[in-house]
Amino acid sequence: MIRFQRIGRTNDPAFRIVAIEKERAAKAGSIVELLGTYNPRSKALTLNEESVKGWIAKGAQPTGSIRNLLINKGVIEGKKVNVLPKKTPQKSEEAIAAEAAAANPTPVAEAAPEAESAVTEEAPAMPTEAEVVAEAEPAVESEPVIDEAPAVEVAEETPVVEVTSAETPAA
């Protein structure tokens, strides 16, 4: 397979692009061939395109990240792969339509005539003139009287008393 092999310091990643046996760990160091390097911070890529195409022709499978990188650089053609996990599973349009049908068993067209008849039967009576006037003029309430509090006096600073060791009682 073709994959990244991490090199570089802590918090400063850099990667080798290597051809490696699928069963081997990338950190083991037993690679078949070094194909290039990639620095994700500077986006610097060095790649031996002929070797990459040769390994893919032999059946080597690139990882998702390598595949997307090769597609971006035009080495191979195809669709990119989503390498990040989805937060919530995506529902197909058929599943959404089936849920909507299950939630609302009666079609909307049949429910509409019943709703119209209910509205005409339960129409509210016109408000009387007294009710309209009562709503328009709210009752005047007396405002509470707020007594102004006297200004707070600033207390004078207390004098600082210095205590010497001779004056303190012995324990």
N, C-alpha and C. Protein backbone atom coordinates (compact mmCIF):
# COMPACT_ATOMS: atom_id res chain seq x y z
N MET A 1 0.83 -1.17 0.00
CA MET A 1 0.00 0.00 0.00
C MET A 1 0.88 1.24 0.00
N ILE A 2 0.30 2.36 -0.38
CA ILE A 2 1.02 3.63 -0.39
C ILE A 2 0.42 4.46 0.74
N ARG A 3 1.27 4.91 1.65
CA ARG A 3 0.77 5.64 2.81
C ARG A 3 1.78 6.65 3.31
N PHE A 4 1.36 7.46 4.30
CA PHE A 4 2.25 8.40 4.95
C PHE A 4 3.05 7.69 6.03
N GLN A 5 4.30 8.11 6.21
CA GLN A 5 5.10 7.69 7.35
C GLN A 5 5.54 8.98 8.03
N ARG A 6 5.09 9.17 9.27
CA ARG A 6 5.35 10.43 9.95
C ARG A 6 6.81 10.54 10.36
N ILE A 7 7.38 11.71 10.08
CA ILE A 7 8.72 12.05 10.53
C ILE A 7 8.62 13.47 11.08
N GLY A 8 9.64 13.95 11.70
CA GLY A 8 9.61 15.32 12.21
C GLY A 8 9.44 15.35 13.71
N ARG A 9 9.57 16.55 14.26
CA ARG A 9 9.50 16.73 15.70
C ARG A 9 8.06 16.76 16.20
N THR A 10 7.91 16.79 17.50
CA THR A 10 6.60 16.93 18.11
C THR A 10 6.01 18.29 17.72
N ASN A 11 4.75 18.31 17.38
CA ASN A 11 4.02 19.50 16.95
C ASN A 11 4.58 20.13 15.67
N ASP A 12 5.40 19.42 14.96
CA ASP A 12 5.91 19.89 13.67
C ASP A 12 5.92 18.70 12.71
N PRO A 13 4.75 18.30 12.22
CA PRO A 13 4.69 17.08 11.42
C PRO A 13 5.28 17.26 10.03
N ALA A 14 5.85 16.19 9.55
CA ALA A 14 6.29 16.06 8.17
C ALA A 14 6.12 14.58 7.85
N PHE A 15 5.89 14.28 6.59
CA PHE A 15 5.59 12.89 6.23
C PHE A 15 6.42 12.45 5.05
N ARG A 16 6.78 11.16 5.07
CA ARG A 16 7.32 10.50 3.89
C ARG A 16 6.15 9.80 3.22
N ILE A 17 6.17 9.75 1.92
CA ILE A 17 5.19 8.96 1.19
C ILE A 17 5.93 7.69 0.79
N VAL A 18 5.44 6.56 1.31
CA VAL A 18 6.18 5.31 1.14
C VAL A 18 5.28 4.21 0.59
N ALA A 19 5.91 3.28 -0.11
CA ALA A 19 5.25 2.03 -0.49
C ALA A 19 5.67 1.03 0.57
N ILE A 20 4.69 0.38 1.19
CA ILE A 20 4.95 -0.50 2.32
C ILE A 20 4.00 -1.68 2.25
N GLU A 21 4.40 -2.80 2.81
CA GLU A 21 3.49 -3.95 2.87
C GLU A 21 2.35 -3.62 3.80
N LYS A 22 1.17 -4.11 3.47
CA LYS A 22 -0.03 -3.79 4.23
C LYS A 22 0.09 -4.22 5.69
N GLU A 23 0.73 -5.34 5.94
CA GLU A 23 0.82 -5.88 7.30
C GLU A 23 1.84 -5.16 8.16
N ARG A 24 2.71 -4.37 7.56
CA ARG A 24 3.77 -3.69 8.30
C ARG A 24 3.27 -2.35 8.85
N ALA A 25 3.78 -1.98 10.01
CA ALA A 25 3.46 -0.68 10.57
C ALA A 25 4.34 0.37 9.92
N ALA A 26 3.81 1.57 9.77
CA ALA A 26 4.57 2.63 9.12
C ALA A 26 5.76 3.06 9.96
N LYS A 27 5.63 2.94 11.29
CA LYS A 27 6.73 3.37 12.17
C LYS A 27 7.86 2.35 12.22
N ALA A 28 7.61 1.14 11.74
CA ALA A 28 8.63 0.09 11.82
C ALA A 28 9.87 0.43 11.01
N GLY A 29 9.71 1.18 9.95
CA GLY A 29 10.86 1.58 9.16
C GLY A 29 11.19 0.64 8.03
N SER A 30 10.51 -0.50 7.95
CA SER A 30 10.80 -1.44 6.87
C SER A 30 9.92 -1.12 5.68
N ILE A 31 10.35 -0.13 4.90
CA ILE A 31 9.56 0.29 3.73
C ILE A 31 10.10 -0.40 2.49
N VAL A 32 9.24 -0.50 1.48
CA VAL A 32 9.67 -1.10 0.22
C VAL A 32 10.35 -0.05 -0.65
N GLU A 33 9.72 1.16 -0.74
CA GLU A 33 10.31 2.22 -1.54
C GLU A 33 9.84 3.57 -1.03
N LEU A 34 10.75 4.54 -1.00
CA LEU A 34 10.42 5.91 -0.64
C LEU A 34 9.97 6.62 -1.92
N LEU A 35 8.71 7.13 -1.90
CA LEU A 35 8.14 7.74 -3.10
C LEU A 35 8.17 9.27 -3.07
N GLY A 36 8.27 9.85 -1.88
CA GLY A 36 8.31 11.31 -1.79
C GLY A 36 8.14 11.78 -0.37
N THR A 37 7.98 13.10 -0.21
CA THR A 37 7.77 13.70 1.11
C THR A 37 6.65 14.73 1.00
N TYR A 38 6.05 15.03 2.17
CA TYR A 38 4.97 16.02 2.21
C TYR A 38 5.04 16.76 3.54
N ASN A 39 5.01 18.08 3.48
CA ASN A 39 4.96 18.91 4.68
C ASN A 39 3.60 19.60 4.70
N PRO A 40 2.71 19.25 5.64
CA PRO A 40 1.37 19.83 5.64
C PRO A 40 1.34 21.30 6.02
N ARG A 41 2.36 21.79 6.71
CA ARG A 41 2.37 23.21 7.08
C ARG A 41 2.69 24.10 5.89
N SER A 42 3.71 23.74 5.15
CA SER A 42 4.10 24.56 3.99
C SER A 42 3.48 24.04 2.70
N LYS A 43 2.79 22.91 2.77
CA LYS A 43 2.18 22.26 1.61
C LYS A 43 3.22 21.87 0.56
N ALA A 44 4.48 21.71 1.00
CA ALA A 44 5.55 21.32 0.09
C ALA A 44 5.45 19.82 -0.20
N LEU A 45 5.46 19.46 -1.47
CA LEU A 45 5.34 18.06 -1.87
C LEU A 45 6.44 17.73 -2.87
N THR A 46 7.19 16.70 -2.56
CA THR A 46 8.14 16.15 -3.53
C THR A 46 7.67 14.73 -3.80
N LEU A 47 7.55 14.39 -5.06
CA LEU A 47 6.93 13.11 -5.40
C LEU A 47 7.55 12.55 -6.66
N ASN A 48 7.83 11.25 -6.66
CA ASN A 48 8.29 10.56 -7.84
C ASN A 48 7.03 9.97 -8.50
N GLU A 49 6.46 10.74 -9.44
CA GLU A 49 5.17 10.38 -10.04
C GLU A 49 5.23 9.05 -10.78
N GLU A 50 6.33 8.77 -11.46
CA GLU A 50 6.44 7.52 -12.21
C GLU A 50 6.39 6.32 -11.29
N SER A 51 7.08 6.41 -10.15
CA SER A 51 7.07 5.29 -9.19
C SER A 51 5.69 5.10 -8.59
N VAL A 52 4.99 6.22 -8.30
CA VAL A 52 3.64 6.13 -7.72
C VAL A 52 2.71 5.43 -8.71
N LYS A 53 2.76 5.86 -9.98
CA LYS A 53 1.90 5.23 -10.99
C LYS A 53 2.27 3.76 -11.17
N GLY A 54 3.56 3.44 -11.10
CA GLY A 54 4.00 2.06 -11.22
C GLY A 54 3.48 1.19 -10.09
N TRP A 55 3.53 1.68 -8.85
CA TRP A 55 3.02 0.91 -7.72
C TRP A 55 1.51 0.75 -7.78
N ILE A 56 0.80 1.79 -8.23
CA ILE A 56 -0.65 1.66 -8.37
C ILE A 56 -0.98 0.64 -9.46
N ALA A 57 -0.18 0.63 -10.54
CA ALA A 57 -0.38 -0.35 -11.61
C ALA A 57 -0.12 -1.77 -11.10
N LYS A 58 0.79 -1.93 -10.15
CA LYS A 58 1.07 -3.25 -9.57
C LYS A 58 0.01 -3.68 -8.56
N GLY A 59 -0.88 -2.77 -8.19
CA GLY A 59 -1.96 -3.15 -7.27
C GLY A 59 -1.86 -2.51 -5.90
N ALA A 60 -0.91 -1.60 -5.68
CA ALA A 60 -0.79 -0.93 -4.39
C ALA A 60 -1.97 0.02 -4.21
N GLN A 61 -2.60 -0.05 -3.04
CA GLN A 61 -3.75 0.81 -2.75
C GLN A 61 -3.29 2.01 -1.93
N PRO A 62 -3.52 3.25 -2.41
CA PRO A 62 -3.18 4.42 -1.60
C PRO A 62 -4.23 4.63 -0.50
N THR A 63 -3.81 5.19 0.63
CA THR A 63 -4.77 5.53 1.68
C THR A 63 -5.62 6.69 1.19
N GLY A 64 -6.67 6.99 1.92
CA GLY A 64 -7.58 8.07 1.51
C GLY A 64 -6.89 9.41 1.40
N SER A 65 -6.04 9.72 2.37
CA SER A 65 -5.33 11.01 2.36
C SER A 65 -4.35 11.09 1.19
N ILE A 66 -3.64 10.01 0.93
CA ILE A 66 -2.71 9.98 -0.20
C ILE A 66 -3.49 10.09 -1.51
N ARG A 67 -4.59 9.38 -1.61
CA ARG A 67 -5.41 9.43 -2.83
C ARG A 67 -5.87 10.86 -3.11
N ASN A 68 -6.38 11.55 -2.09
CA ASN A 68 -6.84 12.93 -2.27
C ASN A 68 -5.68 13.85 -2.67
N LEU A 69 -4.51 13.64 -2.08
CA LEU A 69 -3.34 14.44 -2.41
C LEU A 69 -2.91 14.21 -3.86
N LEU A 70 -2.92 12.96 -4.30
CA LEU A 70 -2.54 12.64 -5.68
C LEU A 70 -3.54 13.21 -6.68
N ILE A 71 -4.82 13.22 -6.32
CA ILE A 71 -5.84 13.79 -7.20
C ILE A 71 -5.65 15.30 -7.29
N ASN A 72 -5.36 15.96 -6.15
CA ASN A 72 -5.12 17.41 -6.17
C ASN A 72 -3.94 17.78 -7.06
N LYS A 73 -2.89 16.98 -7.03
CA LYS A 73 -1.68 17.28 -7.81
C LYS A 73 -1.78 16.80 -9.26
N GLY A 74 -2.86 16.09 -9.60
CA GLY A 74 -3.06 15.64 -10.97
C GLY A 74 -2.29 14.39 -11.34
N VAL A 75 -1.79 13.66 -10.37
CA VAL A 75 -1.05 12.44 -10.66
C VAL A 75 -2.01 11.35 -11.11
N ILE A 76 -3.15 11.22 -10.40
CA ILE A 76 -4.18 10.25 -10.78
C ILE A 76 -5.50 10.99 -10.94
N GLU A 77 -6.45 10.35 -11.58
CA GLU A 77 -7.77 10.94 -11.77
C GLU A 77 -8.79 10.13 -10.99
N GLY A 78 -9.87 10.78 -10.62
CA GLY A 78 -10.94 10.11 -9.90
C GLY A 78 -11.59 11.06 -8.91
N LYS A 79 -12.50 10.49 -8.13
CA LYS A 79 -13.19 11.29 -7.12
C LYS A 79 -12.41 11.24 -5.81
N LYS A 80 -12.50 12.33 -5.07
CA LYS A 80 -11.86 12.36 -3.76
C LYS A 80 -12.66 11.50 -2.78
N VAL A 81 -12.00 11.07 -1.72
CA VAL A 81 -12.61 10.23 -0.71
C VAL A 81 -12.75 11.06 0.56
N ASN A 82 -13.89 10.95 1.25
CA ASN A 82 -14.05 11.63 2.53
C ASN A 82 -13.29 10.83 3.58
N VAL A 83 -12.19 11.38 4.09
CA VAL A 83 -11.36 10.66 5.05
C VAL A 83 -11.75 10.97 6.48
N LEU A 84 -12.54 12.02 6.70
CA LEU A 84 -12.96 12.37 8.05
C LEU A 84 -14.27 11.67 8.38
N PRO A 85 -14.46 11.22 9.61
CA PRO A 85 -15.72 10.56 9.96
C PRO A 85 -16.86 11.58 10.00
N LYS A 86 -18.05 11.12 9.63
CA LYS A 86 -19.22 11.99 9.67
C LYS A 86 -19.73 12.08 11.09
N LYS A 87 -20.20 13.27 11.49
CA LYS A 87 -20.70 13.44 12.84
C LYS A 87 -22.04 12.75 13.01
N THR A 88 -22.92 12.90 12.04
CA THR A 88 -24.21 12.23 12.09
C THR A 88 -24.39 11.47 10.79
N PRO A 89 -25.00 10.31 10.84
CA PRO A 89 -25.18 9.56 9.60
C PRO A 89 -26.15 10.28 8.67
N GLN A 90 -25.83 10.29 7.41
CA GLN A 90 -26.67 10.95 6.42
C GLN A 90 -27.81 10.02 6.02
N LYS A 91 -29.00 10.59 5.86
CA LYS A 91 -30.16 9.81 5.46
C LYS A 91 -30.41 10.02 3.96
N SER A 92 -30.84 8.98 3.31
CA SER A 92 -31.16 9.11 1.90
C SER A 92 -32.52 9.77 1.76
N GLU A 93 -32.82 10.25 0.55
CA GLU A 93 -34.08 10.94 0.30
C GLU A 93 -35.26 9.99 0.49
N GLU A 94 -35.10 8.72 0.13
CA GLU A 94 -36.19 7.75 0.29
C GLU A 94 -36.50 7.54 1.77
N ALA A 95 -35.47 7.49 2.60
CA ALA A 95 -35.69 7.29 4.04
C ALA A 95 -36.41 8.49 4.64
N ILE A 96 -36.07 9.69 4.19
CA ILE A 96 -36.74 10.90 4.69
C ILE A 96 -38.20 10.90 4.28
N ALA A 97 -38.50 10.51 3.02
CA ALA A 97 -39.88 10.46 2.55
C ALA A 97 -40.67 9.40 3.30
N ALA A 98 -40.06 8.26 3.60
CA ALA A 98 -40.75 7.20 4.34
C ALA A 98 -41.06 7.65 5.77
N GLU A 99 -40.15 8.37 6.41
CA GLU A 99 -40.40 8.88 7.75
C GLU A 99 -41.52 9.90 7.75
N ALA A 100 -41.56 10.76 6.73
CA ALA A 100 -42.61 11.77 6.64
C ALA A 100 -43.97 11.11 6.44
N ALA A 101 -44.03 10.05 5.62
CA ALA A 101 -45.29 9.35 5.39
C ALA A 101 -45.74 8.63 6.67
N ALA A 102 -44.82 8.09 7.42
CA ALA A 102 -45.17 7.39 8.66
C ALA A 102 -45.64 8.37 9.73
N ALA A 103 -45.09 9.56 9.75
CA ALA A 103 -45.47 10.56 10.75
C ALA A 103 -46.84 11.15 10.45
N ASN A 104 -47.20 11.31 9.17
CA ASN A 104 -48.46 11.90 8.77
C ASN A 104 -49.21 10.89 7.90
N PRO A 105 -49.98 9.96 8.50
CA PRO A 105 -50.61 8.93 7.71
C PRO A 105 -51.70 9.45 6.76
N THR A 106 -52.39 10.53 7.10
CA THR A 106 -53.41 11.07 6.20
C THR A 106 -52.78 12.09 5.28
N PRO A 107 -53.11 12.02 3.99
CA PRO A 107 -52.55 13.00 3.07
C PRO A 107 -53.05 14.41 3.39
N VAL A 108 -52.31 15.40 2.99
CA VAL A 108 -52.64 16.78 3.28
C VAL A 108 -53.92 17.18 2.55
N ALA A 109 -54.17 16.69 1.34
CA ALA A 109 -55.33 17.07 0.55
C ALA A 109 -56.64 16.64 1.24
N GLU A 110 -56.65 15.49 1.91
CA GLU A 110 -57.86 15.03 2.58
C GLU A 110 -58.10 15.79 3.88
N ALA A 111 -57.07 16.25 4.55
CA ALA A 111 -57.21 16.93 5.82
C ALA A 111 -57.68 18.37 5.63
N ALA A 112 -57.46 18.97 4.47
CA ALA A 112 -57.80 20.37 4.25
C ALA A 112 -59.30 20.64 4.32
N PRO A 113 -60.23 19.86 3.71
CA PRO A 113 -61.65 20.20 3.80
C PRO A 113 -62.17 20.12 5.24
N GLU A 114 -61.67 19.20 6.03
CA GLU A 114 -62.11 19.11 7.41
C GLU A 114 -61.70 20.34 8.18
N ALA A 115 -60.52 20.86 7.91
CA ALA A 115 -60.04 22.04 8.61
C ALA A 115 -60.88 23.26 8.27
N GLU A 116 -61.32 23.39 7.01
CA GLU A 116 -62.13 24.54 6.62
C GLU A 116 -63.48 24.52 7.32
N SER A 117 -64.11 23.36 7.43
CA SER A 117 -65.41 23.29 8.07
C SER A 117 -65.29 23.59 9.56
N ALA A 118 -64.22 23.19 10.17
CA ALA A 118 -64.02 23.47 11.59
C ALA A 118 -63.84 24.96 11.83
N VAL A 119 -63.21 25.65 10.91
CA VAL A 119 -63.00 27.07 11.08
C VAL A 119 -64.31 27.82 10.95
N THR A 120 -65.15 27.44 9.99
CA THR A 120 -66.41 28.15 9.81
C THR A 120 -67.36 27.89 10.96
N GLU A 121 -67.35 26.72 11.56
CA GLU A 121 -68.24 26.41 12.66
C GLU A 121 -67.82 27.12 13.94
N GLU A 122 -66.54 27.28 14.17
CA GLU A 122 -66.05 27.82 15.43
C GLU A 122 -65.62 29.27 15.28
N ALA A 123 -66.20 30.03 14.38
CA ALA A 123 -65.82 31.42 14.19
C ALA A 123 -66.21 32.22 15.43
N PRO A 124 -65.33 33.02 15.98
CA PRO A 124 -65.65 33.79 17.18
C PRO A 124 -66.61 34.94 16.86
N ALA A 125 -67.39 35.33 17.85
CA ALA A 125 -68.34 36.43 17.67
C ALA A 125 -67.57 37.75 17.63
N MET A 126 -68.17 38.74 17.01
CA MET A 126 -67.53 40.05 16.91
C MET A 126 -67.48 40.67 18.30
N PRO A 127 -66.38 41.29 18.70
CA PRO A 127 -66.31 41.90 20.02
C PRO A 127 -67.22 43.12 20.10
N THR A 128 -67.72 43.34 21.28
CA THR A 128 -68.60 44.50 21.48
C THR A 128 -67.75 45.74 21.56
N GLU A 129 -68.47 46.90 21.47
CA GLU A 129 -67.77 48.17 21.48
C GLU A 129 -67.07 48.42 22.82
N ALA A 130 -67.66 47.95 23.89
CA ALA A 130 -67.07 48.15 25.22
C ALA A 130 -65.78 47.34 25.36
N GLU A 131 -65.74 46.14 24.78
CA GLU A 131 -64.54 45.32 24.85
C GLU A 131 -63.40 45.95 24.07
N VAL A 132 -63.73 46.55 22.91
CA VAL A 132 -62.71 47.19 22.08
C VAL A 132 -62.13 48.38 22.81
N VAL A 133 -63.00 49.20 23.46
CA VAL A 133 -62.52 50.37 24.19
C VAL A 133 -61.68 49.94 25.39
N ALA A 134 -62.08 48.86 26.07
CA ALA A 134 -61.34 48.40 27.23
C ALA A 134 -59.94 47.92 26.83
N GLU A 135 -59.85 47.29 25.67
CA GLU A 135 -58.54 46.84 25.21
C GLU A 135 -57.67 48.00 24.76
N ALA A 136 -58.29 49.03 24.16
CA ALA A 136 -57.53 50.15 23.63
C ALA A 136 -56.98 51.04 24.73
N GLU A 137 -57.75 51.24 25.82
CA GLU A 137 -57.32 52.13 26.90
C GLU A 137 -56.97 51.31 28.12
N PRO A 138 -55.71 51.08 28.36
CA PRO A 138 -55.35 50.34 29.56
C PRO A 138 -55.61 51.18 30.81
N ALA A 139 -55.89 50.53 31.89
CA ALA A 139 -56.17 51.23 33.14
C ALA A 139 -54.91 51.95 33.60
N VAL A 140 -55.10 53.17 34.09
CA VAL A 140 -53.98 53.98 34.54
C VAL A 140 -53.67 53.58 35.98
N GLU A 141 -52.47 53.18 36.17
CA GLU A 141 -52.05 52.79 37.51
C GLU A 141 -51.19 53.89 38.09
N SER A 142 -51.26 54.06 39.38
CA SER A 142 -50.43 55.08 40.01
C SER A 142 -49.00 54.57 40.10
N GLU A 143 -48.08 55.45 39.82
CA GLU A 143 -46.68 55.06 39.86
C GLU A 143 -46.20 55.08 41.30
N PRO A 144 -45.42 54.13 41.71
CA PRO A 144 -44.94 54.12 43.09
C PRO A 144 -43.97 55.29 43.32
N VAL A 145 -44.03 55.84 44.51
CA VAL A 145 -43.18 56.96 44.86
C VAL A 145 -41.85 56.38 45.36
N ILE A 146 -40.78 56.87 44.79
CA ILE A 146 -39.46 56.38 45.17
C ILE A 146 -38.80 57.45 46.03
N ASP A 147 -38.50 57.09 47.26
CA ASP A 147 -37.80 58.02 48.13
C ASP A 147 -36.32 57.96 47.79
N GLU A 148 -35.74 59.13 47.68
CA GLU A 148 -34.32 59.16 47.39
C GLU A 148 -33.55 58.87 48.66
N ALA A 149 -32.68 57.93 48.60
CA ALA A 149 -31.87 57.58 49.76
C ALA A 149 -30.78 58.61 49.94
N PRO A 150 -30.44 58.90 51.19
CA PRO A 150 -29.36 59.88 51.40
C PRO A 150 -28.04 59.31 50.87
N ALA A 151 -27.20 60.22 50.49
CA ALA A 151 -25.89 59.81 49.96
C ALA A 151 -25.12 59.06 51.03
N VAL A 152 -24.42 58.04 50.61
CA VAL A 152 -23.64 57.24 51.55
C VAL A 152 -22.39 58.01 51.89
N GLU A 153 -22.15 58.16 53.20
CA GLU A 153 -20.96 58.88 53.61
C GLU A 153 -19.76 57.95 53.57
N VAL A 154 -18.66 58.49 53.14
CA VAL A 154 -17.44 57.71 53.05
C VAL A 154 -16.79 57.70 54.43
N ALA A 155 -16.56 56.52 54.93
CA ALA A 155 -15.96 56.41 56.26
C ALA A 155 -14.51 56.85 56.20
N GLU A 156 -14.10 57.50 57.27
CA GLU A 156 -12.71 57.95 57.31
C GLU A 156 -11.80 56.74 57.46
N GLU A 157 -10.60 56.89 56.98
CA GLU A 157 -9.65 55.80 57.07
C GLU A 157 -9.27 55.58 58.53
N THR A 158 -9.21 54.31 58.90
CA THR A 158 -8.82 54.01 60.27
C THR A 158 -7.31 54.12 60.38
N PRO A 159 -6.84 54.64 61.48
CA PRO A 159 -5.39 54.79 61.61
C PRO A 159 -4.72 53.43 61.71
N VAL A 160 -3.56 53.34 61.15
CA VAL A 160 -2.79 52.10 61.15
C VAL A 160 -1.97 52.07 62.44
N VAL A 161 -2.11 51.00 63.17
CA VAL A 161 -1.36 50.86 64.41
C VAL A 161 -0.23 49.89 64.16
N GLU A 162 0.97 50.32 64.45
CA GLU A 162 2.11 49.44 64.26
C GLU A 162 2.39 48.71 65.56
N VAL A 163 2.58 47.43 65.46
CA VAL A 163 2.83 46.61 66.62
C VAL A 163 4.27 46.10 66.52
N THR A 164 4.97 46.29 67.56
CA THR A 164 6.34 45.78 67.58
C THR A 164 6.37 44.46 68.31
N SER A 165 7.44 43.74 68.16
CA SER A 165 7.53 42.43 68.76
C SER A 165 7.56 42.49 70.28
N ALA A 166 7.99 43.59 70.86
CA ALA A 166 8.07 43.72 72.32
C ALA A 166 6.68 43.83 72.92
N GLU A 167 5.72 44.40 72.13
CA GLU A 167 4.37 44.60 72.67
C GLU A 167 3.49 43.37 72.55
N THR A 168 3.83 42.43 71.71
CA THR A 168 2.99 41.24 71.52
C THR A 168 3.19 40.28 72.68
N PRO A 169 2.10 39.70 73.18
CA PRO A 169 2.26 38.75 74.30
C PRO A 169 2.88 37.47 73.79
N ALA A 170 3.66 36.85 74.65
CA ALA A 170 4.33 35.60 74.29
C ALA A 170 3.36 34.45 74.40
N ALA A 171 3.47 33.52 73.53
CA ALA A 171 2.52 32.41 73.55
C ALA A 171 3.03 31.24 74.36
